[in-house]
């Protein structure tokens, strides 16, 4: 059956529409950050998938809408490929006409590499949680146009009516849902422990084990209420072009990621690693000075170049010989709280390779592991007290037409079992200043920490 396309009234803020679906199982909002940022273009909204794939360790559970369940120990990337089915034609101007939406958790990398098991798995979340969606609402903010796309006209009409009702409610006095942080936000390591781990990493670098290791600390707090309420505020505080909200039966994922991991469009591949960070200034002059210092920092450029080389190698595993190139190095991009150095690596998929071949070859992303990748991941497992879960994995889509777009899941909150968690880290190299690296984690986490502080204050005021 060919895809059905229905025009839908354009809304500048797609969150007002997604709110009608936010509490459905497997609801997904791939968020460009509009209208709070001008960098993104498309929003993608969907819910109620036809099939879900959930991987834990060696087993993947596949459940269809009709309730049938299958279990498999096969490669989860191959299982996802089979669930998507044969590649079909897309529609010009619509990036996603149905397909897979979900997350690949960082620890899915254990299916690809042999790693020690040292860090504690506090969250007990799936390593992969993906829905196969046969419909979506695609909002194009550049063309100021929205379209519903799907294979089942009756289901598409049902969602059209539901979203129209949501649009009619916008601006009316509906009671706001609450999200409450119930106590202090705590890190999983002290400052002294963090600095000691950096010293350990620098010793590994000096000994020749590695060149760079991405090391992170995790913050957590008890919380209750509606995580969608928290995300609605977070996307205003820290709008980003590769943001996402996911409601799964296991957790809610609130991501305001600025970093694209992998994009495939008609066989053309792109990745945009971020390495190099500076805080925004208090005024325009200080802001410009900090940006210029970052642009001209030999340390940050070297750190960025290491990851570019790693990603060139990863792309080379599945791209046509000679097609991998680096059209942009060390480009400055500025966001609400930080400046970043961003590079771009491109290539063309080799015959017989597809988006999932690419994801498998590159996962997890080099910008959040280090170089060389495997040794860096072993050191991360040794020094970070807790497993990363969704953090530093990837959230995105793979369409029935073979196209893909995905983020690196940084600047991400995960709510499960009454706890909200967030992480922040940075690439440690031989000449890293430990104190500066420690401060950088707080710059990166500032919007998420501010959000939790606001939620805690709101709860205190209510209780008082």
Protein backbone atom coordinates (compact mmCIF):
# COMPACT_ATOMS: atom_id res chain seq x y z
CA UNK A 1 0.00 0.00 0.00
CA UNK A 2 1.40 3.40 -0.94
CA UNK A 3 1.62 6.11 1.70
CA UNK A 4 -1.36 8.40 2.28
CA UNK A 5 -0.58 12.10 2.83
CA UNK A 6 -3.03 14.52 4.47
CA UNK A 7 -2.30 18.22 4.91
CA UNK A 8 -2.65 19.42 8.50
CA UNK A 9 -2.83 22.98 9.86
CA UNK A 10 0.67 24.29 10.57
CA UNK A 11 1.60 25.18 14.13
CA UNK A 12 4.78 27.04 15.02
CA UNK A 13 5.04 25.05 18.25
CA UNK A 14 4.53 21.33 17.66
CA UNK A 15 4.67 20.62 21.40
CA UNK A 16 1.11 21.96 21.63
CA UNK A 17 0.01 19.10 19.37
CA UNK A 18 2.18 16.38 20.85
CA UNK A 19 0.69 17.07 24.27
CA UNK A 20 -2.44 15.19 23.11
CA UNK A 21 -0.31 12.05 22.64
CA UNK A 22 2.45 12.52 25.20
CA UNK A 23 1.05 9.99 27.67
CA UNK A 24 0.37 7.22 25.17
CA UNK A 25 2.70 4.23 25.31
CA UNK A 26 5.60 4.66 22.91
CA UNK A 27 4.69 8.26 22.05
CA UNK A 28 7.67 9.94 20.36
CA UNK A 29 8.44 13.59 19.60
CA UNK A 30 11.58 14.24 17.54
CA UNK A 31 11.90 17.94 18.23
CA UNK A 32 13.77 20.53 16.16
CA UNK A 33 13.65 23.05 19.01
CA UNK A 34 11.33 25.45 17.20
CA UNK A 35 10.13 28.08 18.00
CA UNK A 36 12.82 28.51 20.67
CA UNK A 37 15.70 27.91 18.22
CA UNK A 38 16.18 28.61 14.52
CA UNK A 39 18.62 25.75 13.86
CA UNK A 40 16.28 22.81 13.28
CA UNK A 41 13.72 22.30 10.52
CA UNK A 42 11.51 19.22 10.99
CA UNK A 43 9.46 17.92 13.91
CA UNK A 44 8.21 14.33 13.83
CA UNK A 45 5.37 13.11 16.05
CA UNK A 46 4.01 9.59 16.39
CA UNK A 47 2.56 7.08 18.86
CA UNK A 48 0.90 3.65 19.04
CA UNK A 49 3.44 1.68 16.96
CA UNK A 50 2.50 -1.46 15.07
CA UNK A 51 5.43 -3.35 16.60
CA UNK A 52 8.02 -2.75 19.35
CA UNK A 53 11.49 -4.24 19.77
CA UNK A 54 13.03 -4.24 23.25
CA UNK A 55 16.55 -5.58 23.77
CA UNK A 56 17.97 -6.50 27.16
CA UNK A 57 21.37 -8.14 27.15
CA UNK A 58 21.32 -11.06 24.74
CA UNK A 59 17.55 -11.16 24.19
CA UNK A 60 15.18 -9.05 22.11
CA UNK A 61 11.44 -9.11 22.73
CA UNK A 62 9.28 -8.32 19.68
CA UNK A 63 5.65 -7.50 20.39
CA UNK A 64 3.05 -6.60 17.78
CA UNK A 65 -0.08 -4.50 18.20
CA UNK A 66 -2.21 -7.63 18.11
CA UNK A 67 -0.45 -8.89 21.25
CA UNK A 68 1.71 -11.59 19.67
CA UNK A 69 5.21 -11.84 21.17
CA UNK A 70 8.45 -13.37 19.91
CA UNK A 71 11.82 -13.67 21.65
CA UNK A 72 15.16 -13.79 19.84
CA UNK A 73 18.87 -13.80 20.64
CA UNK A 74 19.76 -12.71 17.08
CA UNK A 75 21.62 -9.48 16.35
CA UNK A 76 19.20 -6.65 17.32
CA UNK A 77 20.25 -4.60 14.30
CA UNK A 78 19.27 -7.47 12.01
CA UNK A 79 16.00 -7.96 13.88
CA UNK A 80 15.21 -4.28 13.39
CA UNK A 81 16.05 -4.56 9.70
CA UNK A 82 13.60 -7.47 9.39
CA UNK A 83 10.89 -5.56 11.25
CA UNK A 84 11.24 -2.61 8.88
CA UNK A 85 10.86 -4.87 5.85
CA UNK A 86 11.98 -4.20 2.27
CA UNK A 87 12.94 -0.60 1.45
CA UNK A 88 10.11 1.33 -0.22
CA UNK A 89 10.02 4.67 -2.00
CA UNK A 90 9.75 7.80 0.12
CA UNK A 91 7.99 11.07 -0.66
CA UNK A 92 9.92 14.17 -1.70
CA UNK A 93 9.94 16.83 0.99
CA UNK A 94 8.87 14.46 3.79
CA UNK A 95 11.88 13.05 5.67
CA UNK A 96 9.94 10.33 7.51
CA UNK A 97 6.97 8.44 6.08
CA UNK A 98 6.86 5.79 8.79
CA UNK A 99 9.42 3.36 10.17
CA UNK A 100 11.45 2.95 13.36
CA UNK A 101 11.60 5.57 16.13
CA UNK A 102 13.34 4.98 19.44
CA UNK A 103 16.61 4.78 21.28
CA UNK A 104 19.77 2.70 21.08
CA UNK A 105 21.26 2.78 24.59
CA UNK A 106 25.00 3.16 25.10
CA UNK A 107 25.27 -0.36 26.52
CA UNK A 108 23.93 -1.88 23.31
CA UNK A 109 27.61 -1.59 22.40
CA UNK A 110 28.10 -4.76 24.48
CA UNK A 111 26.50 -6.68 21.61
CA UNK A 112 29.26 -5.35 19.36
CA UNK A 113 32.36 -5.41 21.59
CA UNK A 114 33.55 -7.59 24.45
CA UNK A 115 33.59 -5.30 27.49
CA UNK A 116 34.15 -5.88 31.21
CA UNK A 117 31.12 -5.67 33.51
CA UNK A 118 32.19 -3.38 36.36
CA UNK A 119 29.81 -0.41 36.54
CA UNK A 120 26.52 -0.85 38.40
CA UNK A 121 23.34 -0.90 36.32
CA UNK A 122 21.10 1.20 38.55
CA UNK A 123 18.36 1.88 35.99
CA UNK A 124 17.83 -1.64 34.60
CA UNK A 125 16.51 -0.15 31.35
CA UNK A 126 16.42 -1.86 27.96
CA UNK A 127 19.54 -1.51 25.84
CA UNK A 128 17.34 -0.80 22.82
CA UNK A 129 13.71 0.36 22.72
CA UNK A 130 12.29 0.90 19.24
CA UNK A 131 8.76 1.23 17.87
CA UNK A 132 7.82 0.54 14.24
CA UNK A 133 5.38 3.34 13.46
CA UNK A 134 3.02 3.16 10.49
CA UNK A 135 2.01 6.84 10.73
CA UNK A 136 3.50 10.20 11.69
CA UNK A 137 2.87 13.94 11.69
CA UNK A 138 5.77 15.74 10.00
CA UNK A 139 6.07 19.50 10.58
CA UNK A 140 8.32 21.46 8.22
CA UNK A 141 9.14 24.80 9.86
CA UNK A 142 11.00 26.08 6.82
CA UNK A 143 8.02 25.59 4.52
CA UNK A 144 5.59 26.27 7.40
CA UNK A 145 3.67 23.15 6.45
CA UNK A 146 2.44 20.05 8.32
CA UNK A 147 1.45 16.69 6.87
CA UNK A 148 0.09 13.45 8.28
CA UNK A 149 1.63 10.42 6.56
CA UNK A 150 0.70 6.77 6.94
CA UNK A 151 -0.27 3.46 5.37
CA UNK A 152 -3.66 3.06 7.06
CA UNK A 153 -6.17 5.77 6.07
CA UNK A 154 -8.58 4.96 8.93
CA UNK A 155 -5.87 5.25 11.60
CA UNK A 156 -4.57 8.42 9.97
CA UNK A 157 -8.02 10.00 10.07
CA UNK A 158 -8.41 9.03 13.73
CA UNK A 159 -5.16 10.78 14.63
CA UNK A 160 -6.02 13.76 12.45
CA UNK A 161 -9.18 14.32 14.49
CA UNK A 162 -7.39 13.87 17.77
CA UNK A 163 -4.62 16.33 16.86
CA UNK A 164 -7.15 18.85 15.60
CA UNK A 165 -8.91 18.71 18.96
CA UNK A 166 -5.56 19.33 20.64
CA UNK A 167 -4.96 22.35 18.41
CA UNK A 168 -8.36 23.77 19.34
CA UNK A 169 -7.48 23.52 23.06
CA UNK A 170 -4.27 25.54 22.69
CA UNK A 171 -4.32 28.67 24.82
CA UNK A 172 -7.31 27.59 26.89
CA UNK A 173 -7.00 27.32 30.65
CA UNK A 174 -6.17 23.68 31.03
CA UNK A 175 -4.66 22.71 34.40
CA UNK A 176 -0.89 22.39 34.17
CA UNK A 177 0.53 18.96 34.95
CA UNK A 178 3.21 18.98 37.62
CA UNK A 179 6.67 17.47 37.80
CA UNK A 180 8.22 17.68 41.24
CA UNK A 181 11.82 17.17 42.33
CA UNK A 182 11.58 15.90 45.89
CA UNK A 183 15.12 16.36 47.19
CA UNK A 184 18.68 17.39 46.55
CA UNK A 185 20.34 16.69 43.20
CA UNK A 186 23.42 14.54 43.90
CA UNK A 187 26.36 13.40 41.77
CA UNK A 188 27.56 9.80 41.74
CA UNK A 189 31.08 11.00 42.58
CA UNK A 190 32.69 13.73 44.62
CA UNK A 191 34.87 16.41 43.10
CA UNK A 192 37.92 14.61 44.49
CA UNK A 193 36.82 11.31 42.94
CA UNK A 194 36.23 13.00 39.61
CA UNK A 195 39.69 14.59 39.63
CA UNK A 196 41.30 11.30 40.68
CA UNK A 197 39.64 9.56 37.72
CA UNK A 198 40.98 12.21 35.35
CA UNK A 199 44.46 11.62 36.78
CA UNK A 200 43.99 7.90 36.12
CA UNK A 201 42.92 8.59 32.52
CA UNK A 202 45.94 10.83 31.96
CA UNK A 203 48.16 8.01 33.23
CA UNK A 204 46.55 5.64 30.71
CA UNK A 205 47.23 8.21 27.97
CA UNK A 206 50.85 8.62 29.08
CA UNK A 207 51.27 4.83 29.04
CA UNK A 208 50.00 4.70 25.44
CA UNK A 209 46.68 2.94 26.14
CA UNK A 210 44.61 5.68 24.48
CA UNK A 211 44.61 9.25 23.19
CA UNK A 212 41.31 10.49 24.58
CA UNK A 213 38.58 9.23 26.93
CA UNK A 214 35.14 10.77 27.31
CA UNK A 215 34.47 10.72 31.06
CA UNK A 216 31.14 11.67 32.68
CA UNK A 217 29.50 12.09 36.05
CA UNK A 218 25.85 11.31 36.73
CA UNK A 219 23.44 13.49 38.70
CA UNK A 220 20.18 12.17 40.16
CA UNK A 221 17.26 13.18 42.35
CA UNK A 222 13.98 11.72 43.52
CA UNK A 223 11.09 13.04 41.43
CA UNK A 224 7.43 12.41 40.74
CA UNK A 225 4.71 13.68 38.45
CA UNK A 226 4.54 14.20 34.72
CA UNK A 227 7.91 14.24 32.90
CA UNK A 228 6.23 15.83 29.87
CA UNK A 229 5.69 18.91 32.02
CA UNK A 230 9.43 18.98 32.73
CA UNK A 231 10.31 18.58 29.04
CA UNK A 232 7.95 21.40 28.05
CA UNK A 233 10.04 23.73 30.21
CA UNK A 234 13.40 22.17 29.32
CA UNK A 235 12.94 22.77 25.59
CA UNK A 236 12.47 26.47 26.36
CA UNK A 237 15.56 26.61 28.57
CA UNK A 238 17.81 24.68 26.19
CA UNK A 239 16.32 24.41 22.70
CA UNK A 240 18.37 22.15 20.42
CA UNK A 241 18.03 20.83 16.85
CA UNK A 242 18.21 17.11 17.77
CA UNK A 243 15.95 17.13 20.82
CA UNK A 244 13.48 14.36 21.63
CA UNK A 245 10.85 13.21 24.10
CA UNK A 246 9.97 9.53 24.38
CA UNK A 247 7.39 7.88 26.61
CA UNK A 248 8.16 4.18 26.94
CA UNK A 249 6.75 1.69 29.46
CA UNK A 250 10.21 1.64 31.08
CA UNK A 251 11.16 5.30 31.28
CA UNK A 252 10.60 8.77 29.88
CA UNK A 253 13.52 10.26 27.92
CA UNK A 254 13.94 14.05 27.79
CA UNK A 255 16.76 15.01 25.42
CA UNK A 256 17.87 18.43 24.23
CA UNK A 257 20.83 17.21 22.23
CA UNK A 258 22.71 19.60 19.94
CA UNK A 259 24.63 16.78 18.24
CA UNK A 260 23.75 14.79 15.14
CA UNK A 261 25.13 11.28 15.22
CA UNK A 262 24.30 9.76 11.83
CA UNK A 263 22.14 10.87 8.93
CA UNK A 264 21.44 8.88 5.77
CA UNK A 265 19.60 10.56 2.92
CA UNK A 266 19.36 8.70 -0.43
CA UNK A 267 22.54 6.81 0.41
CA UNK A 268 24.52 9.92 1.41
CA UNK A 269 25.91 9.79 4.94
CA UNK A 270 26.70 12.60 7.36
CA UNK A 271 27.92 12.78 10.96
CA UNK A 272 28.64 15.99 12.90
CA UNK A 273 30.80 15.32 15.97
CA UNK A 274 31.01 17.92 18.73
CA UNK A 275 34.30 18.27 20.58
CA UNK A 276 35.29 21.52 22.24
CA UNK A 277 33.03 23.47 24.59
CA UNK A 278 33.02 26.92 26.20
CA UNK A 279 30.33 28.62 28.31
CA UNK A 280 28.31 31.53 26.94
CA UNK A 281 29.36 34.95 28.25
CA UNK A 282 27.44 37.25 30.58
CA UNK A 283 27.42 40.01 27.94
CA UNK A 284 28.08 40.21 24.16
CA UNK A 285 31.73 41.18 24.55
CA UNK A 286 32.56 38.36 26.96
CA UNK A 287 30.51 35.95 24.83
CA UNK A 288 32.48 36.85 21.69
CA UNK A 289 35.78 36.56 23.58
CA UNK A 290 34.91 33.07 24.86
CA UNK A 291 33.82 32.00 21.37
CA UNK A 292 37.08 33.24 19.82
CA UNK A 293 39.15 31.50 22.49
CA UNK A 294 37.36 28.24 21.73
CA UNK A 295 37.75 28.63 17.95
CA UNK A 296 41.49 29.16 18.32
CA UNK A 297 42.17 26.61 21.07
CA UNK A 298 44.86 24.10 19.92
CA UNK A 299 43.77 21.67 22.65
CA UNK A 300 40.10 21.69 21.57
CA UNK A 301 41.00 21.47 17.89
CA UNK A 302 43.27 18.48 18.56
CA UNK A 303 40.52 16.80 20.60
CA UNK A 304 38.02 17.39 17.79
CA UNK A 305 40.42 16.09 15.14
CA UNK A 306 40.99 12.81 17.03
CA UNK A 307 37.26 12.09 16.91
CA UNK A 308 36.97 13.15 13.26
CA UNK A 309 39.68 10.62 12.41
CA UNK A 310 37.88 7.92 14.40
CA UNK A 311 34.60 8.64 12.62
CA UNK A 312 36.29 8.68 9.21
CA UNK A 313 37.48 5.18 10.02
CA UNK A 314 34.02 4.08 11.21
CA UNK A 315 32.31 5.47 8.11
CA UNK A 316 34.95 3.84 5.94
CA UNK A 317 33.72 0.41 7.10
CA UNK A 318 30.42 0.82 5.22
CA UNK A 319 31.01 3.67 2.73
CA UNK A 320 32.28 3.41 -0.82
CA UNK A 321 36.05 3.58 -1.13
CA UNK A 322 37.23 7.17 -1.55
CA UNK A 323 33.85 8.71 -0.72
CA UNK A 324 34.58 9.72 2.90
CA UNK A 325 35.53 13.39 3.25
CA UNK A 326 35.60 16.16 5.85
CA UNK A 327 33.99 19.30 4.37
CA UNK A 328 33.94 21.21 7.70
CA UNK A 329 36.45 21.28 10.56
CA UNK A 330 36.09 23.16 13.86
CA UNK A 331 33.01 25.18 12.93
CA UNK A 332 31.70 27.27 15.83
CA UNK A 333 28.07 26.63 16.80
CA UNK A 334 26.43 28.52 19.65
CA UNK A 335 23.57 27.26 21.82
CA UNK A 336 21.63 28.60 24.77
CA UNK A 337 24.26 27.75 27.37
CA UNK A 338 27.48 26.84 25.52
CA UNK A 339 29.58 27.31 22.39
CA UNK A 340 30.77 24.15 20.59
CA UNK A 341 33.31 23.21 17.93
CA UNK A 342 31.55 21.04 15.35
CA UNK A 343 32.99 19.19 12.38
CA UNK A 344 31.27 17.38 9.52
CA UNK A 345 32.20 14.01 8.00
CA UNK A 346 30.40 12.73 4.88
CA UNK A 347 30.40 9.66 2.70
CA UNK A 348 28.31 7.46 0.38
CA UNK A 349 27.03 4.04 1.44
CA UNK A 350 28.71 1.18 -0.40
CA UNK A 351 26.54 -1.22 -2.42
CA UNK A 352 24.76 -3.69 -0.15
CA UNK A 353 25.03 -1.43 2.92
CA UNK A 354 22.15 0.41 4.57
CA UNK A 355 21.40 2.74 7.48
CA UNK A 356 21.53 -0.09 10.01
CA UNK A 357 24.89 -1.24 8.64
CA UNK A 358 26.10 2.29 9.30
CA UNK A 359 24.62 2.48 12.81
CA UNK A 360 26.16 -0.86 13.71
CA UNK A 361 29.59 0.11 12.34
CA UNK A 362 29.69 3.43 14.20
CA UNK A 363 27.95 2.59 17.48
CA UNK A 364 28.39 4.01 20.04
CA UNK A 365 29.52 7.37 18.71
CA UNK A 366 33.21 8.19 18.88
CA UNK A 367 32.59 11.67 20.27
CA UNK A 368 31.29 10.18 23.52
CA UNK A 369 33.73 7.26 23.87
CA UNK A 370 37.23 8.37 22.89
CA UNK A 371 40.10 7.04 20.82
CA UNK A 372 40.76 4.25 20.26
CA UNK A 373 37.12 3.41 20.87
CA UNK A 374 37.32 -0.03 22.46
CA UNK A 375 40.06 0.85 24.97
CA UNK A 376 38.25 4.07 25.86
CA UNK A 377 35.05 2.14 26.52
CA UNK A 378 36.95 -0.26 28.79
CA UNK A 379 38.30 2.70 30.79
CA UNK A 380 34.85 4.29 30.99
CA UNK A 381 33.50 1.01 32.40
CA UNK A 382 36.30 0.93 34.96
CA UNK A 383 36.01 4.54 36.17
CA UNK A 384 32.34 5.54 35.88
CA UNK A 385 30.44 4.05 38.86
CA UNK A 386 27.20 3.47 36.96
CA UNK A 387 26.27 2.32 33.49
CA UNK A 388 25.15 5.03 31.12
CA UNK A 389 21.90 3.52 29.85
CA UNK A 390 20.27 5.85 27.32
CA UNK A 391 22.94 8.54 27.88
CA UNK A 392 25.53 8.64 25.08
CA UNK A 393 23.46 6.24 23.02
CA UNK A 394 21.34 7.56 20.16
CA UNK A 395 17.72 8.63 19.60
CA UNK A 396 16.21 8.99 16.15
CA UNK A 397 14.41 7.38 13.24
CA UNK A 398 15.02 4.93 10.39
CA UNK A 399 12.39 5.22 7.70
CA UNK A 400 10.78 2.52 5.59
CA UNK A 401 12.58 4.25 2.69
CA UNK A 402 16.03 3.57 4.25
CA UNK A 403 16.74 7.13 5.37
CA UNK A 404 17.88 7.82 8.91
CA UNK A 405 18.57 10.69 11.27
CA UNK A 406 19.80 10.28 14.84
CA UNK A 407 21.34 12.21 17.67
CA UNK A 408 23.97 11.56 20.29
CA UNK A 409 21.91 11.36 23.49
CA UNK A 410 23.68 14.06 25.48
CA UNK A 411 21.98 16.88 27.48
CA UNK A 412 19.51 14.15 28.35
CA UNK A 413 17.32 13.42 31.38
CA UNK A 414 15.91 9.96 32.01
CA UNK A 415 13.02 9.46 34.45
CA UNK A 416 12.27 5.98 35.78
CA UNK A 417 11.14 4.41 39.06
CA UNK A 418 10.74 7.75 40.78
CA UNK A 419 14.27 8.96 39.98
CA UNK A 420 15.42 11.49 37.40
CA UNK A 421 18.97 11.19 36.13
CA UNK A 422 21.24 13.29 33.94
CA UNK A 423 24.88 13.11 32.92
CA UNK A 424 27.63 15.45 31.78
CA UNK A 425 31.17 14.74 30.68
CA UNK A 426 33.99 15.72 28.40
CA UNK A 427 36.90 14.41 26.41
CA UNK A 428 40.04 13.99 28.51
CA UNK A 429 43.36 14.28 26.68
CA UNK A 430 46.99 14.47 27.76
CA UNK A 431 47.01 18.21 28.44
CA UNK A 432 43.52 18.45 29.98
CA UNK A 433 43.25 20.74 33.00
CA UNK A 434 41.36 18.59 35.55
CA UNK A 435 39.69 21.55 37.26
CA UNK A 436 38.62 23.02 33.92
CA UNK A 437 37.22 19.65 32.83
CA UNK A 438 35.25 19.41 36.07
CA UNK A 439 33.80 22.90 35.57
CA UNK A 440 32.93 22.05 31.95
CA UNK A 441 30.62 19.25 33.09
CA UNK A 442 28.59 21.85 35.01
CA UNK A 443 28.49 24.20 32.00
CA UNK A 444 27.11 21.36 29.87
CA UNK A 445 24.60 20.28 32.51
CA UNK A 446 23.56 23.81 33.48
CA UNK A 447 20.19 23.87 31.71
CA UNK A 448 19.21 20.44 33.05
CA UNK A 449 20.38 21.28 36.57
CA UNK A 450 18.53 24.61 36.39
CA UNK A 451 15.38 22.74 35.39
CA UNK A 452 15.61 20.40 38.37
CA UNK A 453 16.36 23.29 40.72
CA UNK A 454 13.23 25.10 39.51
CA UNK A 455 11.16 21.97 40.00
CA UNK A 456 12.56 21.56 43.51
CA UNK A 457 11.84 25.18 44.38
CA UNK A 458 8.29 24.89 43.04
CA UNK A 459 7.73 21.83 45.21
CA UNK A 460 9.16 23.58 48.29
CA UNK A 461 6.93 26.59 47.73
CA UNK A 462 3.89 24.32 47.41
CA UNK A 463 4.75 22.41 50.57
CA UNK A 464 5.48 25.65 52.44
